[in-house]
Amino acid sequence: MAASTQCVVVGGGPAGIVLGLLLARAGVRVTVLEKHADFLRDFRGDTVHASTIRLLDELGLGEGFRALPQSRLGNFRLPVAGGDPVVLADFGLLKEPYNYVAMVPQWDLLNFLVEAARQEPTFTVLMNTEATDLLRDDSGAVGGVRYQTRDPLTRAVVGGGELRASLTVACDGRGSVLRSQAGLVPREFSVPFDTWWFRLPRHANEDEPVASIAPRFGTSDVLLSLTRKDYHQIAYLAAKGLDPRLRAEGVEAFRGRVARLRTDLADRVGAIESMDDLHLLDVKLNRLSRWHKPGLLLIGDAAHAMSPAGGVGINLAVQDAVAAARILASPLLKETLDDGHLAAVQKRRWLPTLVVQTFQRILHRVVFAQVMAGKPPKPPKPLIFALRTFPAFGKLPARMIAFGPRPEHAPEFARRKP
């Protein structure tokens, strides 16, 4: 016999957990399915922008969030050929307390949000539980999911079943299983690079500011270092499709690439013990033209995969979740949900998605594509002039990156006092 809930959310990332928390605070019975045993996975986005920090304050969770291990990023810099980088976005120009980007390990953030959601009697999260297919009724509308459960140690399948729901929300990322099952195909945009993530040790006597981002540009590659308290989280960016060649060259050659770009880190590249220490991100930039079918809604990367440029993906997905909760909570409780409500979520979030992806495509073209082709980056000259001549101009891109083109506020039903 199938279990039932009002809303099943597939995917326990930031969008899925935030949506589950908000709907539960409205009194909706919501079940989140997360296929992993925990949230401890390296090299996932962990830049928490001002829009998300403000949301947490509105939810009464700001104090707890600020107690999590974190550091602050004060600006983003843009490389310029033949000169020093210019500050593209100076978050210090924004109004306190939302004048920075928080660098927070995503597993800490997700554990924190899940604990908050578990305070709500209508919230359930099922770990080691993976949605494998959509359930459909006689009309073809989606009515829930089939799932399988795995042993947390062996990862062997140990069970499964059906979970019926009035609404199924796919938050299962850029490789969304539910998107494929629904027959939805995103429009893909060209991306000039892939990213290989790894860590290098950070010595106690290093004086580089914690949470700084230090890009180094080579002849056809980029090394981006996110300085953390105890380590450097490194992103190596090179031409898309280069992974087979890098792995064929071997670990010594890769260490040489890193040492060439960051001579100050050459003394520790031995920490890259093998090519298995590199975590490839196949960078994608895409979006669906339609985010919904009857009974099914897709948000976050499942609806629009974002490039890591600007670190905005998590925050855009969280804002999708906030908009969805505000629009859908009441019809779910009243059992009046229809496809028009789902369309309203897409309508609300379409323009922000379009604006951010357009910005990323421009950044790809004027910076990353140039570098991958062995040319210097070419940011627009009027932009460089404005940034260098009028430092306060940096407030505009700072606000766009920090809050996005349409920041969402917590719905009244979800707000709590600290």
Protein backbone atom coordinates (compact mmCIF):
# COMPACT_ATOMS: atom_id res chain seq x y z
CA MET A 1 0.00 0.00 0.00
CA ALA A 2 1.39 3.40 -0.97
CA ALA A 3 2.07 6.05 1.64
CA SER A 4 0.80 9.56 1.07
CA THR A 5 1.67 13.16 1.82
CA GLN A 6 0.50 16.52 0.49
CA CYS A 7 3.84 17.44 -1.09
CA VAL A 8 6.87 15.30 -1.86
CA VAL A 9 10.12 17.16 -2.48
CA VAL A 10 12.81 15.16 -4.26
CA GLY A 11 16.32 16.32 -3.40
CA GLY A 12 17.71 17.52 -0.08
CA GLY A 13 19.78 20.43 -1.35
CA PRO A 14 19.22 24.05 -0.33
CA ALA A 15 16.12 24.50 -2.52
CA GLY A 16 14.49 21.26 -1.38
CA ILE A 17 15.14 21.76 2.32
CA VAL A 18 14.08 25.42 2.29
CA LEU A 19 10.88 24.55 0.42
CA GLY A 20 10.15 21.74 2.89
CA LEU A 21 10.76 24.04 5.87
CA LEU A 22 8.52 26.82 4.54
CA LEU A 23 5.65 24.55 3.52
CA ALA A 24 5.78 22.76 6.87
CA ARG A 25 5.55 26.12 8.66
CA ALA A 26 2.34 26.69 6.71
CA GLY A 27 1.01 23.36 7.99
CA VAL A 28 1.45 21.44 4.73
CA ARG A 29 2.40 17.79 5.15
CA VAL A 30 5.69 17.62 3.25
CA THR A 31 8.19 14.80 2.81
CA VAL A 32 11.72 15.42 1.49
CA LEU A 33 13.56 12.51 -0.13
CA GLU A 34 17.37 12.63 -0.04
CA LYS A 35 19.28 9.81 -1.71
CA HIS A 36 22.45 10.16 0.38
CA ALA A 37 22.98 9.14 3.99
CA ASP A 38 24.12 12.63 5.00
CA PHE A 39 25.10 15.99 3.52
CA LEU A 40 28.86 15.53 3.83
CA ARG A 41 29.96 16.00 0.25
CA ASP A 42 32.89 18.18 -0.82
CA PHE A 43 32.93 20.91 -3.44
CA ARG A 44 29.31 21.87 -3.49
CA GLY A 45 28.36 25.51 -3.63
CA ASP A 46 28.66 27.16 -0.24
CA THR A 47 28.43 30.88 -0.96
CA VAL A 48 25.45 32.20 0.98
CA HIS A 49 24.49 35.59 -0.41
CA ALA A 50 22.71 38.48 1.27
CA SER A 51 19.30 37.45 -0.08
CA THR A 52 19.56 34.11 1.74
CA ILE A 53 20.99 35.64 4.93
CA ARG A 54 18.08 38.10 5.04
CA LEU A 55 15.63 35.24 4.49
CA LEU A 56 17.11 33.38 7.46
CA ASP A 57 16.70 36.49 9.60
CA GLU A 58 13.04 36.72 8.56
CA LEU A 59 12.58 33.06 9.51
CA GLY A 60 14.03 33.69 12.96
CA LEU A 61 17.10 31.60 12.11
CA GLY A 62 19.67 34.35 11.62
CA GLU A 63 21.34 34.03 15.01
CA GLY A 64 21.78 30.29 14.63
CA PHE A 65 23.08 30.70 11.10
CA ARG A 66 25.71 33.22 12.18
CA ALA A 67 26.92 30.74 14.81
CA LEU A 68 27.85 28.24 12.08
CA PRO A 69 31.53 28.04 11.01
CA GLN A 70 31.88 30.65 8.30
CA SER A 71 33.94 33.46 6.87
CA ARG A 72 33.02 36.59 4.95
CA LEU A 73 33.78 37.64 1.41
CA GLY A 74 33.82 41.40 0.91
CA ASN A 75 34.18 41.78 -2.87
CA PHE A 76 34.51 40.13 -6.27
CA ARG A 77 37.36 41.18 -8.56
CA LEU A 78 37.43 41.14 -12.35
CA PRO A 79 40.71 40.42 -14.21
CA VAL A 80 41.86 43.02 -16.74
CA ALA A 81 44.47 42.42 -19.45
CA GLY A 82 47.71 44.28 -18.79
CA GLY A 83 46.66 45.70 -15.45
CA ASP A 84 45.55 45.04 -11.91
CA PRO A 85 42.13 43.46 -11.35
CA VAL A 86 39.28 45.85 -10.69
CA VAL A 87 36.66 45.42 -7.99
CA LEU A 88 33.52 44.38 -9.85
CA ALA A 89 31.31 44.16 -6.77
CA ASP A 90 32.13 45.82 -3.44
CA PHE A 91 29.74 44.34 -0.89
CA GLY A 92 31.04 46.75 1.74
CA LEU A 93 29.05 49.48 -0.02
CA LEU A 94 25.80 47.72 0.83
CA LYS A 95 23.79 48.36 3.97
CA GLU A 96 24.62 46.33 7.06
CA PRO A 97 24.05 43.57 8.04
CA TYR A 98 23.79 42.35 4.45
CA ASN A 99 27.09 43.69 3.15
CA TYR A 100 28.99 40.44 2.58
CA VAL A 101 28.81 36.95 1.15
CA ALA A 102 29.07 34.21 3.78
CA MET A 103 31.28 31.22 2.99
CA VAL A 104 29.60 28.34 4.84
CA PRO A 105 30.20 24.61 4.25
CA GLN A 106 26.99 23.42 2.65
CA TRP A 107 26.68 20.40 4.92
CA ASP A 108 26.60 22.70 7.97
CA LEU A 109 23.92 24.87 6.37
CA LEU A 110 21.76 21.89 5.37
CA ASN A 111 22.03 20.20 8.77
CA PHE A 112 21.05 23.50 10.39
CA LEU A 113 18.01 23.93 8.13
CA VAL A 114 16.90 20.33 8.58
CA GLU A 115 17.02 20.69 12.37
CA ALA A 116 14.86 23.80 12.09
CA ALA A 117 12.41 22.01 9.80
CA ARG A 118 12.15 19.03 12.15
CA GLN A 119 10.60 21.35 14.72
CA GLU A 120 7.54 21.43 12.48
CA PRO A 121 5.18 18.44 13.04
CA THR A 122 4.26 18.18 9.34
CA PHE A 123 7.87 17.92 8.08
CA THR A 124 9.56 14.59 7.29
CA VAL A 125 12.94 13.94 5.68
CA LEU A 126 13.85 10.45 4.48
CA MET A 127 17.58 9.91 3.99
CA ASN A 128 19.00 7.09 1.81
CA THR A 129 15.81 7.39 -0.23
CA GLU A 130 15.99 7.95 -3.98
CA ALA A 131 13.06 8.74 -6.27
CA THR A 132 13.27 6.53 -9.35
CA ASP A 133 10.06 7.26 -11.26
CA LEU A 134 6.92 9.35 -11.34
CA LEU A 135 3.47 8.04 -10.46
CA ARG A 136 0.68 9.14 -12.76
CA ASP A 137 -3.08 8.99 -12.45
CA ASP A 138 -5.56 8.07 -15.20
CA SER A 139 -5.41 11.59 -16.65
CA GLY A 140 -1.61 11.48 -16.90
CA ALA A 141 -1.09 13.97 -14.05
CA VAL A 142 1.78 13.27 -11.69
CA GLY A 143 0.59 11.92 -8.36
CA GLY A 144 3.81 11.15 -6.49
CA VAL A 145 6.94 9.03 -6.92
CA ARG A 146 8.31 5.55 -6.76
CA TYR A 147 11.39 5.30 -4.59
CA GLN A 148 14.04 2.93 -3.37
CA THR A 149 15.97 2.94 -0.10
CA ARG A 150 19.61 1.99 0.35
CA ASP A 151 21.70 0.68 3.20
CA PRO A 152 23.77 3.65 4.44
CA LEU A 153 26.97 1.58 4.63
CA THR A 154 26.85 -0.82 1.69
CA ARG A 155 24.60 1.37 -0.51
CA ALA A 156 22.74 -1.79 -1.50
CA VAL A 157 19.04 -1.40 -2.25
CA VAL A 158 17.11 -2.66 0.78
CA GLY A 159 13.59 -1.53 0.05
CA GLY A 160 11.28 0.75 -1.83
CA GLY A 161 7.72 1.75 -2.42
CA GLU A 162 5.39 4.47 -3.60
CA LEU A 163 4.70 7.85 -2.08
CA ARG A 164 1.58 9.57 -3.36
CA ALA A 165 1.23 13.34 -3.18
CA SER A 166 -0.88 16.20 -4.49
CA LEU A 167 2.34 17.90 -5.60
CA THR A 168 5.76 16.54 -6.54
CA VAL A 169 8.63 19.04 -6.62
CA ALA A 170 11.86 18.09 -8.37
CA CYS A 171 14.85 19.65 -6.62
CA ASP A 172 17.19 16.88 -7.76
CA GLY A 173 19.73 19.04 -9.56
CA ARG A 174 21.15 19.45 -13.02
CA GLY A 175 20.99 15.71 -13.68
CA SER A 176 17.37 15.52 -12.55
CA VAL A 177 15.90 12.02 -12.78
CA LEU A 178 12.36 13.37 -12.51
CA ARG A 179 12.95 15.83 -15.34
CA SER A 180 13.94 12.94 -17.59
CA GLN A 181 10.98 10.87 -16.45
CA ALA A 182 8.68 13.77 -17.28
CA GLY A 183 10.16 14.08 -20.78
CA LEU A 184 11.33 17.64 -20.22
CA VAL A 185 14.51 18.68 -22.06
CA PRO A 186 16.33 21.93 -21.21
CA ARG A 187 17.80 24.33 -23.72
CA GLU A 188 21.58 24.15 -23.45
CA PHE A 189 23.87 27.17 -23.75
CA SER A 190 27.51 26.93 -24.73
CA VAL A 191 29.97 26.88 -21.83
CA PRO A 192 33.70 27.25 -22.56
CA PHE A 193 35.12 25.53 -19.48
CA ASP A 194 34.86 22.73 -16.96
CA THR A 195 36.05 22.86 -13.36
CA TRP A 196 38.21 20.47 -11.36
CA TRP A 197 37.97 20.94 -7.58
CA PHE A 198 40.56 19.88 -5.02
CA ARG A 199 42.09 20.96 -1.72
CA LEU A 200 45.57 22.03 -0.69
CA PRO A 201 46.78 22.56 2.89
CA ARG A 202 46.90 26.07 4.34
CA HIS A 203 49.75 26.85 6.72
CA ALA A 204 49.05 28.62 9.98
CA ASN A 205 51.44 31.48 9.16
CA GLU A 206 49.80 32.41 5.85
CA ASP A 207 48.36 35.91 5.98
CA GLU A 208 46.00 35.76 3.01
CA PRO A 209 42.57 36.87 4.27
CA VAL A 210 40.18 34.07 5.08
CA ALA A 211 37.33 33.92 2.51
CA SER A 212 39.38 35.72 -0.10
CA ILE A 213 39.07 34.62 -3.71
CA ALA A 214 42.38 34.72 -5.57
CA PRO A 215 42.13 34.08 -9.34
CA ARG A 216 45.28 33.41 -11.36
CA PHE A 217 45.08 33.41 -15.15
CA GLY A 218 47.38 31.29 -17.30
CA THR A 219 47.79 31.08 -21.04
CA SER A 220 44.67 28.94 -21.43
CA ASP A 221 43.55 28.10 -17.92
CA VAL A 222 42.55 29.65 -14.60
CA LEU A 223 43.17 28.71 -10.98
CA LEU A 224 40.69 30.03 -8.48
CA SER A 225 41.57 29.71 -4.81
CA LEU A 226 38.97 30.08 -2.09
CA THR A 227 40.93 30.60 1.10
CA ARG A 228 39.42 28.81 4.08
CA LYS A 229 40.50 28.66 7.71
CA ASP A 230 42.47 25.42 7.43
CA TYR A 231 42.84 24.83 3.70
CA HIS A 232 42.69 26.26 0.21
CA GLN A 233 39.72 25.08 -1.83
CA ILE A 234 40.99 25.19 -5.38
CA ALA A 235 39.10 25.30 -8.66
CA TYR A 236 41.11 24.62 -11.80
CA LEU A 237 39.27 25.89 -14.90
CA ALA A 238 40.25 24.70 -18.36
CA ALA A 239 38.62 24.06 -21.72
CA LYS A 240 35.45 21.98 -21.70
CA GLY A 241 36.08 18.35 -22.54
CA LEU A 242 39.72 18.38 -21.38
CA ASP A 243 39.22 15.82 -18.61
CA PRO A 244 40.36 12.70 -20.56
CA ARG A 245 43.56 14.47 -21.59
CA LEU A 246 44.30 15.69 -18.05
CA ARG A 247 43.87 12.22 -16.62
CA ALA A 248 46.00 10.69 -19.37
CA GLU A 249 48.80 13.16 -18.61
CA GLY A 250 48.79 12.01 -14.99
CA VAL A 251 49.09 13.57 -11.57
CA GLU A 252 52.64 14.90 -11.94
CA ALA A 253 51.67 16.95 -14.97
CA PHE A 254 48.61 18.28 -13.17
CA ARG A 255 50.71 19.26 -10.16
CA GLY A 256 52.90 21.19 -12.59
CA ARG A 257 49.87 23.07 -13.92
CA VAL A 258 48.93 24.10 -10.40
CA ALA A 259 52.48 25.11 -9.46
CA ARG A 260 52.79 27.20 -12.62
CA LEU A 261 49.68 29.19 -11.80
CA ARG A 262 50.30 29.47 -8.06
CA THR A 263 54.04 29.38 -7.37
CA ASP A 264 53.31 30.16 -3.70
CA LEU A 265 51.46 26.83 -3.43
CA ALA A 266 54.08 24.78 -5.30
CA ASP A 267 55.48 23.43 -2.01
CA ARG A 268 52.28 21.52 -1.26
CA VAL A 269 51.00 20.18 -4.59
CA GLY A 270 52.09 16.75 -3.39
CA ALA A 271 48.86 16.73 -1.40
CA ILE A 272 47.23 15.86 -4.74
CA GLU A 273 48.07 12.19 -4.41
CA SER A 274 46.33 10.97 -7.56
CA MET A 275 43.93 12.15 -10.23
CA ASP A 276 41.17 10.63 -8.12
CA ASP A 277 41.60 13.62 -5.79
CA LEU A 278 40.16 15.84 -8.52
CA HIS A 279 36.39 16.29 -8.56
CA LEU A 280 35.19 17.18 -12.04
CA LEU A 281 32.27 19.57 -12.42
CA ASP A 282 30.85 19.30 -15.93
CA VAL A 283 29.75 22.93 -16.07
CA LYS A 284 26.33 23.44 -17.61
CA LEU A 285 24.16 26.45 -18.30
CA ASN A 286 20.64 25.57 -19.35
CA ARG A 287 16.96 26.15 -18.63
CA LEU A 288 13.62 24.58 -19.30
CA SER A 289 11.06 26.54 -21.26
CA ARG A 290 8.38 24.94 -19.07
CA TRP A 291 9.03 24.11 -15.42
CA HIS A 292 5.87 22.18 -14.70
CA LYS A 293 3.37 19.55 -15.70
CA PRO A 294 0.12 18.75 -13.88
CA GLY A 295 1.15 17.67 -10.38
CA LEU A 296 4.86 18.31 -10.98
CA LEU A 297 7.06 21.39 -10.50
CA LEU A 298 10.80 21.74 -11.11
CA ILE A 299 12.90 24.42 -9.41
CA GLY A 300 16.57 25.18 -8.86
CA ASP A 301 19.12 23.41 -11.05
CA ALA A 302 16.47 20.92 -12.18
CA ALA A 303 14.78 23.82 -13.99
CA HIS A 304 17.80 25.98 -14.76
CA ALA A 305 21.39 24.80 -14.27
CA MET A 306 23.68 27.70 -13.43
CA SER A 307 27.36 28.24 -14.14
CA PRO A 308 29.56 28.63 -11.02
CA ALA A 309 30.42 32.15 -12.27
CA GLY A 310 29.37 34.53 -9.51
CA GLY A 311 28.43 31.72 -7.12
CA VAL A 312 24.74 32.56 -7.46
CA GLY A 313 23.26 29.11 -8.09
CA ILE A 314 22.35 28.22 -4.50
CA ASN A 315 20.78 31.57 -3.82
CA LEU A 316 18.71 31.59 -6.99
CA ALA A 317 17.45 28.09 -6.12
CA VAL A 318 16.54 29.19 -2.58
CA GLN A 319 14.58 32.12 -3.98
CA ASP A 320 12.74 29.70 -6.28
CA ALA A 321 11.78 27.74 -3.16
CA VAL A 322 10.54 30.83 -1.33
CA ALA A 323 8.36 31.89 -4.25
CA ALA A 324 7.00 28.36 -4.63
CA ALA A 325 6.10 28.12 -0.94
CA ARG A 326 4.32 31.48 -0.96
CA ILE A 327 2.27 30.65 -4.06
CA LEU A 328 1.53 26.98 -3.37
CA ALA A 329 0.99 26.66 0.39
CA SER A 330 -2.62 27.85 0.42
CA PRO A 331 -3.88 25.79 -2.56
CA LEU A 332 -2.15 22.73 -1.12
CA LEU A 333 -3.90 23.19 2.21
CA LYS A 334 -7.25 23.88 0.53
CA GLU A 335 -6.75 21.02 -1.96
CA THR A 336 -7.33 23.42 -4.86
CA LEU A 337 -3.90 23.15 -6.47
CA ASP A 338 -3.93 23.21 -10.26
CA ASP A 339 -1.50 23.80 -13.10
CA GLY A 340 -2.16 27.54 -12.99
CA HIS A 341 -0.53 27.74 -9.58
CA LEU A 342 2.55 25.94 -10.87
CA ALA A 343 2.70 28.26 -13.87
CA ALA A 344 2.59 31.21 -11.47
CA VAL A 345 5.79 30.00 -9.81
CA GLN A 346 7.60 29.86 -13.14
CA LYS A 347 6.24 33.27 -14.11
CA ARG A 348 7.53 34.75 -10.86
CA ARG A 349 11.02 33.29 -11.22
CA TRP A 350 11.50 33.40 -15.00
CA LEU A 351 12.87 36.94 -15.31
CA PRO A 352 15.45 36.55 -12.49
CA THR A 353 16.65 33.34 -14.11
CA LEU A 354 16.91 34.98 -17.52
CA VAL A 355 18.79 38.00 -16.15
CA VAL A 356 21.31 35.96 -14.15
CA GLN A 357 21.97 33.50 -16.96
CA THR A 358 22.43 36.36 -19.43
CA PHE A 359 24.99 37.91 -17.07
CA GLN A 360 26.78 34.56 -16.82
CA ARG A 361 26.82 34.11 -20.59
CA ILE A 362 28.39 37.56 -21.00
CA LEU A 363 31.00 36.72 -18.35
CA HIS A 364 31.74 33.46 -20.16
CA ARG A 365 32.23 35.28 -23.44
CA VAL A 366 34.35 38.25 -22.31
CA VAL A 367 36.47 36.45 -19.72
CA PHE A 368 36.46 32.66 -19.77
CA ALA A 369 36.17 31.98 -23.50
CA GLN A 370 39.01 34.43 -24.13
CA VAL A 371 41.29 32.75 -21.60
CA MET A 372 40.49 29.24 -22.82
CA ALA A 373 41.45 30.39 -26.33
CA GLY A 374 44.79 31.69 -25.08
CA LYS A 375 43.75 35.35 -25.23
CA PRO A 376 43.54 37.99 -22.49
CA PRO A 377 40.09 38.59 -20.98
CA LYS A 378 38.17 41.48 -22.53
CA PRO A 379 35.71 43.06 -20.10
CA PRO A 380 33.80 45.97 -21.69
CA LYS A 381 35.94 49.13 -21.58
CA PRO A 382 33.07 51.38 -20.38
CA LEU A 383 32.55 49.03 -17.43
CA ILE A 384 36.25 49.09 -16.51
CA PHE A 385 36.30 52.90 -16.81
CA ALA A 386 33.26 53.23 -14.54
CA LEU A 387 34.64 50.84 -11.93
CA ARG A 388 38.03 52.56 -11.80
CA THR A 389 36.76 56.14 -12.01
CA PHE A 390 33.70 55.88 -9.79
CA PRO A 391 34.32 53.31 -7.01
CA ALA A 392 30.75 53.74 -5.75
CA PHE A 393 29.59 52.26 -9.07
CA GLY A 394 30.59 48.91 -7.56
CA LYS A 395 27.44 49.08 -5.45
CA LEU A 396 25.26 48.24 -8.47
CA PRO A 397 26.86 44.89 -9.37
CA ALA A 398 27.31 44.22 -5.64
CA ARG A 399 23.57 44.49 -5.09
CA MET A 400 22.82 42.40 -8.16
CA ILE A 401 25.12 39.60 -6.99
CA ALA A 402 24.13 39.85 -3.32
CA PHE A 403 20.35 39.98 -3.78
CA GLY A 404 19.63 39.07 -7.39
CA PRO A 405 17.22 40.84 -9.74
CA ARG A 406 14.10 39.82 -7.78
CA PRO A 407 14.90 38.90 -4.17
CA GLU A 408 12.20 37.01 -2.31
CA HIS A 409 11.06 37.66 1.26
CA ALA A 410 9.82 34.99 3.65
CA PRO A 411 6.03 34.60 3.54
CA GLU A 412 4.25 35.77 6.67
CA PHE A 413 3.16 32.25 7.63
CA ALA A 414 6.81 31.14 7.85
CA ARG A 415 8.20 34.02 9.91
CA ARG A 416 9.25 33.47 13.49
CA LYS A 417 10.88 35.64 16.10
CA PRO A 418 14.41 34.55 17.12
